[in-house]
Amino acid sequence: MVGLITSCKRLLKIRKGVDSLMATCENYSRQLGKIVNYLTKSTTLEDDPEHSYITAQPESLNKR
């Protein structure tokens, strides 16, 4: 009986850790979604000089 209780406690601790990890991953995903949304709305670097990002793939990567 003691082994069952110990196993249940361990399982609940692992579940809590997984829930925490999932919440962290969801938060990162939300943040990345906002960044991608922002980047896809900007057409040039001049659109927002405060947030300069690369908006086009370098030509050297398009060579075949």
C-alpha atoms as a PDB file:
ATOM      1  CA  MET A   1       0.000   0.000   0.000  1.00  0.00           C
ATOM      2  CA  VAL A   2       2.841   2.390   0.840  1.00  0.00           C
ATOM      3  CA  GLY A   3       4.406   1.681  -2.592  1.00  0.00           C
ATOM      4  CA  LEU A   4       1.154   2.632  -4.306  1.00  0.00           C
ATOM      5  CA  ILE A   5       0.932   5.949  -2.456  1.00  0.00           C
ATOM      6  CA  THR A   6       4.583   6.714  -3.242  1.00  0.00           C
ATOM      7  CA  SER A   7       4.024   5.904  -6.910  1.00  0.00           C
ATOM      8  CA  CYS A   8       0.947   8.136  -7.017  1.00  0.00           C
ATOM      9  CA  LYS A   9       2.873  11.014  -5.434  1.00  0.00           C
ATOM     10  CA  ARG A  10       5.666  10.569  -7.968  1.00  0.00           C
ATOM     11  CA  LEU A  11       3.161  10.464 -10.822  1.00  0.00           C
ATOM     12  CA  LEU A  12       1.485  13.674  -9.616  1.00  0.00           C
ATOM     13  CA  LYS A  13       4.878  15.387  -9.315  1.00  0.00           C
ATOM     14  CA  ILE A  14       5.792  14.365 -12.870  1.00  0.00           C
ATOM     15  CA  ARG A  15       2.385  15.508 -14.128  1.00  0.00           C
ATOM     16  CA  LYS A  16       2.872  18.900 -12.469  1.00  0.00           C
ATOM     17  CA  GLY A  17       6.271  19.212 -14.169  1.00  0.00           C
ATOM     18  CA  VAL A  18       4.796  18.316 -17.562  1.00  0.00           C
ATOM     19  CA  ASP A  19       1.973  20.845 -17.075  1.00  0.00           C
ATOM     20  CA  SER A  20       4.525  23.528 -16.227  1.00  0.00           C
ATOM     21  CA  LEU A  21       6.630  22.644 -19.271  1.00  0.00           C
ATOM     22  CA  MET A  22       3.560  22.733 -21.530  1.00  0.00           C
ATOM     23  CA  ALA A  23       2.586  26.164 -20.194  1.00  0.00           C
ATOM     24  CA  THR A  24       6.104  27.448 -20.878  1.00  0.00           C
ATOM     25  CA  CYS A  25       6.037  26.036 -24.413  1.00  0.00           C
ATOM     26  CA  GLU A  26       2.633  27.627 -25.061  1.00  0.00           C
ATOM     27  CA  ASN A  27       3.984  30.968 -23.875  1.00  0.00           C
ATOM     28  CA  TYR A  28       7.002  30.722 -26.200  1.00  0.00           C
ATOM     29  CA  SER A  29       4.724  29.722 -29.048  1.00  0.00           C
ATOM     30  CA  ARG A  30       2.499  32.751 -28.425  1.00  0.00           C
ATOM     31  CA  GLN A  31       5.517  35.065 -28.358  1.00  0.00           C
ATOM     32  CA  LEU A  32       6.934  33.594 -31.572  1.00  0.00           C
ATOM     33  CA  GLY A  33       3.535  33.940 -33.213  1.00  0.00           C
ATOM     34  CA  LYS A  34       3.493  37.644 -32.363  1.00  0.00           C
ATOM     35  CA  ILE A  35       6.987  38.079 -33.806  1.00  0.00           C
ATOM     36  CA  VAL A  36       6.102  36.231 -37.014  1.00  0.00           C
ATOM     37  CA  ASN A  37       2.913  38.247 -37.328  1.00  0.00           C
ATOM     38  CA  TYR A  38       4.870  41.480 -36.916  1.00  0.00           C
ATOM     39  CA  LEU A  39       7.527  40.401 -39.422  1.00  0.00           C
ATOM     40  CA  THR A  40       5.027  39.349 -42.065  1.00  0.00           C
ATOM     41  CA  LYS A  41       3.214  42.687 -41.819  1.00  0.00           C
ATOM     42  CA  SER A  42       6.430  44.713 -42.316  1.00  0.00           C
ATOM     43  CA  THR A  43       7.416  45.047 -45.952  1.00  0.00           C
ATOM     44  CA  THR A  44      10.661  47.001 -45.612  1.00  0.00           C
ATOM     45  CA  LEU A  45      13.106  47.941 -42.917  1.00  0.00           C
ATOM     46  CA  GLU A  46      11.930  51.543 -43.225  1.00  0.00           C
ATOM     47  CA  ASP A  47       8.425  50.581 -42.031  1.00  0.00           C
ATOM     48  CA  ASP A  48       9.664  50.578 -38.476  1.00  0.00           C
ATOM     49  CA  PRO A  49      13.259  51.732 -38.004  1.00  0.00           C
ATOM     50  CA  GLU A  50      13.069  50.924 -34.291  1.00  0.00           C
ATOM     51  CA  HIS A  51      12.564  47.219 -35.054  1.00  0.00           C
ATOM     52  CA  SER A  52      14.821  46.436 -38.019  1.00  0.00           C
ATOM     53  CA  TYR A  53      14.557  42.832 -39.152  1.00  0.00           C
ATOM     54  CA  ILE A  54      15.602  40.922 -42.240  1.00  0.00           C
ATOM     55  CA  THR A  55      12.543  40.739 -44.469  1.00  0.00           C
ATOM     56  CA  ALA A  56      13.970  38.988 -47.548  1.00  0.00           C
ATOM     57  CA  GLN A  57      15.966  35.819 -48.002  1.00  0.00           C
ATOM     58  CA  PRO A  58      19.536  36.480 -49.185  1.00  0.00           C
ATOM     59  CA  GLU A  59      20.015  35.828 -52.913  1.00  0.00           C
ATOM     60  CA  SER A  60      22.953  33.513 -52.204  1.00  0.00           C
ATOM     61  CA  LEU A  61      20.502  31.052 -50.632  1.00  0.00           C
ATOM     62  CA  ASN A  62      18.372  30.985 -53.783  1.00  0.00           C
ATOM     63  CA  LYS A  63      21.185  29.740 -56.070  1.00  0.00           C
ATOM     64  CA  ARG A  64      20.728  26.291 -57.569  1.00  0.00           C
END
